[in-house]
Protein backbone atom coordinates (compact mmCIF):
# COMPACT_ATOMS: atom_id res chain seq x y z
CA MET A 1 154.34 93.82 159.36
CA VAL A 2 156.14 92.30 156.04
CA SER A 3 159.53 94.05 155.87
CA ALA A 4 160.88 96.72 152.39
CA GLN A 5 163.53 95.22 152.35
CA THR A 6 161.92 91.75 150.99
CA GLY A 7 160.66 93.56 147.91
CA LYS A 8 157.06 93.88 149.43
CA LEU A 9 154.79 96.68 150.65
CA PRO A 10 152.80 96.60 153.55
CA GLU A 11 149.17 96.48 152.26
CA THR A 12 147.22 99.47 153.83
CA GLU A 13 144.84 101.96 152.71
CA LEU A 14 145.79 105.64 151.80
CA LYS A 15 143.96 108.22 150.42
CA THR A 16 144.19 110.21 147.65
CA LEU A 17 144.09 114.13 147.28
CA ASP A 18 140.55 113.39 146.78
CA GLY A 19 139.13 111.48 149.51
CA ILE A 20 139.13 108.16 147.24
CA PRO A 21 140.80 105.47 149.05
CA VAL A 22 143.94 103.02 147.42
CA SER A 23 145.85 100.25 148.80
CA SER A 24 149.54 100.95 149.23
CA THR A 25 150.50 98.27 146.70
CA VAL A 26 149.09 99.55 144.26
CA MET A 27 150.42 103.16 144.69
CA LEU A 28 153.80 101.15 144.74
CA PRO A 29 154.17 99.14 142.26
CA PRO A 30 157.23 97.31 141.05
CA GLY A 31 158.93 98.81 137.82
CA ASN A 32 160.69 101.96 138.70
CA PRO A 33 163.06 103.22 141.35
CA THR A 34 160.99 105.24 143.62
CA ILE A 35 161.33 107.75 146.60
CA LEU A 36 158.83 107.66 148.80
CA VAL A 37 158.70 110.18 151.33
CA PHE A 38 156.84 110.61 155.00
CA TRP A 39 155.86 113.98 155.51
CA LYS A 40 153.74 116.69 158.09
CA SER A 41 151.86 119.34 156.04
CA THR A 42 152.42 121.32 159.52
CA SER A 43 156.21 121.39 159.30
CA GLU A 44 158.61 123.55 157.58
CA LYS A 45 161.07 121.42 157.31
CA CYS A 46 158.91 118.76 155.93
CA CYS A 47 157.90 121.03 152.79
CA ASP A 48 161.40 122.40 152.72
CA ASN A 49 162.33 118.53 152.50
CA LEU A 50 159.54 118.25 149.05
CA GLU A 51 160.85 121.48 147.32
CA SER A 52 164.07 119.29 147.67
CA MET A 53 162.86 116.38 146.13
CA GLN A 54 160.54 118.52 143.75
CA SER A 55 163.53 120.02 142.54
CA ALA A 56 165.94 117.13 142.11
CA TRP A 57 162.91 114.85 140.29
CA THR A 58 161.96 117.85 138.00
CA GLU A 59 165.56 118.35 137.25
CA THR A 60 167.04 115.00 136.25
CA LEU A 61 165.44 111.74 138.37
CA ARG A 62 162.17 111.97 136.68
CA GLU A 63 163.99 111.49 133.70
CA LYS A 64 166.25 108.37 134.91
CA GLY A 65 162.10 107.01 136.07
CA VAL A 66 162.82 107.64 139.41
CA LYS A 67 159.16 108.42 140.48
CA ILE A 68 158.62 110.24 144.14
CA VAL A 69 155.42 109.16 145.78
CA ALA A 70 154.72 111.56 149.39
CA ILE A 71 152.77 110.56 152.40
CA CYS A 72 151.33 113.01 154.44
CA VAL A 73 150.86 111.74 157.67
CA ASP A 74 149.17 114.37 159.71
CA CYS A 75 145.43 114.32 158.75
CA LYS A 76 143.77 112.23 161.37
CA GLY A 77 141.24 114.12 161.26
CA SER A 78 140.63 116.84 158.93
CA TRP A 79 142.89 116.07 155.76
CA GLY A 80 141.11 118.71 153.12
CA HIS A 81 144.07 121.71 153.56
CA VAL A 82 146.65 119.05 152.26
CA LYS A 83 145.29 119.14 148.21
CA PRO A 84 145.04 123.02 148.13
CA MET A 85 148.90 122.95 150.10
CA VAL A 86 150.11 120.62 147.18
CA MET A 87 148.30 122.40 144.40
CA GLY A 88 149.45 125.76 145.40
CA LYS A 89 153.40 124.40 145.58
CA ALA A 90 153.13 123.00 142.06
CA TRP A 91 154.45 119.54 143.76
CA ASP A 92 154.86 117.69 140.76
CA PHE A 93 154.67 114.17 142.36
CA GLU A 94 152.17 111.46 143.38
CA THR A 95 150.92 112.52 147.31
CA TYR A 96 148.20 110.15 148.95
CA ILE A 97 146.99 111.11 152.72
CA ASP A 98 147.88 108.42 155.59
CA VAL A 99 144.61 108.86 157.98
CA ASN A 100 145.20 106.80 160.52
CA GLY A 101 148.79 106.29 160.29
CA SER A 102 148.72 102.54 159.65
CA PHE A 103 151.23 102.77 156.51
CA MET A 104 153.97 104.72 158.54
CA ARG A 105 153.56 102.36 161.58
CA ALA A 106 153.74 99.24 159.58
CA MET A 107 156.89 101.25 157.64
CA SER A 108 158.37 101.54 160.86
CA VAL A 109 158.39 105.34 160.52
CA ASN A 110 158.62 107.62 163.47
CA SER A 111 160.24 111.23 162.75
CA MET A 112 159.49 113.14 160.13
CA PRO A 113 160.78 113.88 157.48
CA CYS A 114 161.59 110.67 156.62
CA THR A 115 162.94 109.53 153.02
CA ILE A 116 162.99 106.06 151.67
CA LEU A 117 164.46 105.20 148.76
CA PHE A 118 163.68 101.45 146.72
CA ASP A 119 165.38 99.82 143.67
CA LYS A 120 162.96 99.10 140.76
CA ASN A 121 162.05 96.01 142.63
CA LEU A 122 160.49 97.50 145.87
CA ASN A 123 163.63 96.36 147.45
CA GLN A 124 165.01 99.45 150.30
CA VAL A 125 167.95 100.94 149.13
CA CYS A 126 168.58 103.80 151.59
CA ARG A 127 166.78 105.51 154.62
CA TYR A 128 166.87 108.76 155.76
CA ASN A 129 165.12 110.26 159.18
CA GLY A 130 165.41 114.12 158.80
CA TYR A 131 165.63 116.60 156.08
CA CYS A 132 167.50 116.15 153.36
CA SER A 133 169.62 118.62 153.02
CA GLY A 134 171.57 120.55 150.01
CA GLY A 135 170.22 120.84 146.69
CA GLY A 136 168.94 119.02 143.99
CA GLU A 137 172.03 118.27 142.11
CA MET A 138 173.43 116.96 145.49
CA ILE A 139 169.82 114.75 146.15
CA CYS A 140 170.15 113.50 142.13
CA THR A 141 173.49 112.26 143.05
CA LYS A 142 173.12 110.65 146.37
CA VAL A 143 169.91 108.85 144.96
CA LEU A 144 171.63 107.96 141.81
CA GLU A 145 174.98 106.56 143.11
CA HIS A 146 172.57 104.34 145.28
CA LEU A 147 170.43 103.18 142.35
CA GLY A 148 173.96 102.43 141.10
CA LYS A 149 173.02 104.71 137.56
C-alpha cells in the first residue's frame, strides 16, 4: 500500500455511476484540495454525512476550489441503486463505486463514513472516522482551517 501521506494514492479500479471503469489516480488528480468520503448507501449516518458535505460544499467550499469525491463501498454485487439515490438527493459531487473494496482497503478505511481531506498536492491533511456532525458552516470552517485558508 502506498500511503496517502506521500502525495500518491494507491492505484485501484473504481466505477463511475454509469459503470465505466476509472483509475483512482485519474479520479483524484493533484491541483485542488479534495474531500474524499467513503460511505455505504444503506447507512443513514453516511447519507446524512454526505448531505452535510453537500451543504458545506455548495455554500463555501466549491468557490474555494475544494473538490468532493464520494466512494460507495457497499456494492459488491449490485450497485444499480446508487445512481438513482445520488440523483434523487441531488448530490452535485463526483461519486464512484468501489465494487470489490480494493480502494477502501488500500486507503486503510474500515469504518463508515470515513472522511479524508487532502491538500492540493494530495497530502493527507485530516482523517475523520464517523459522521461529521454540525452544519455546513462548521464543516467549512474546519476544512479551511486544516487547509490554512
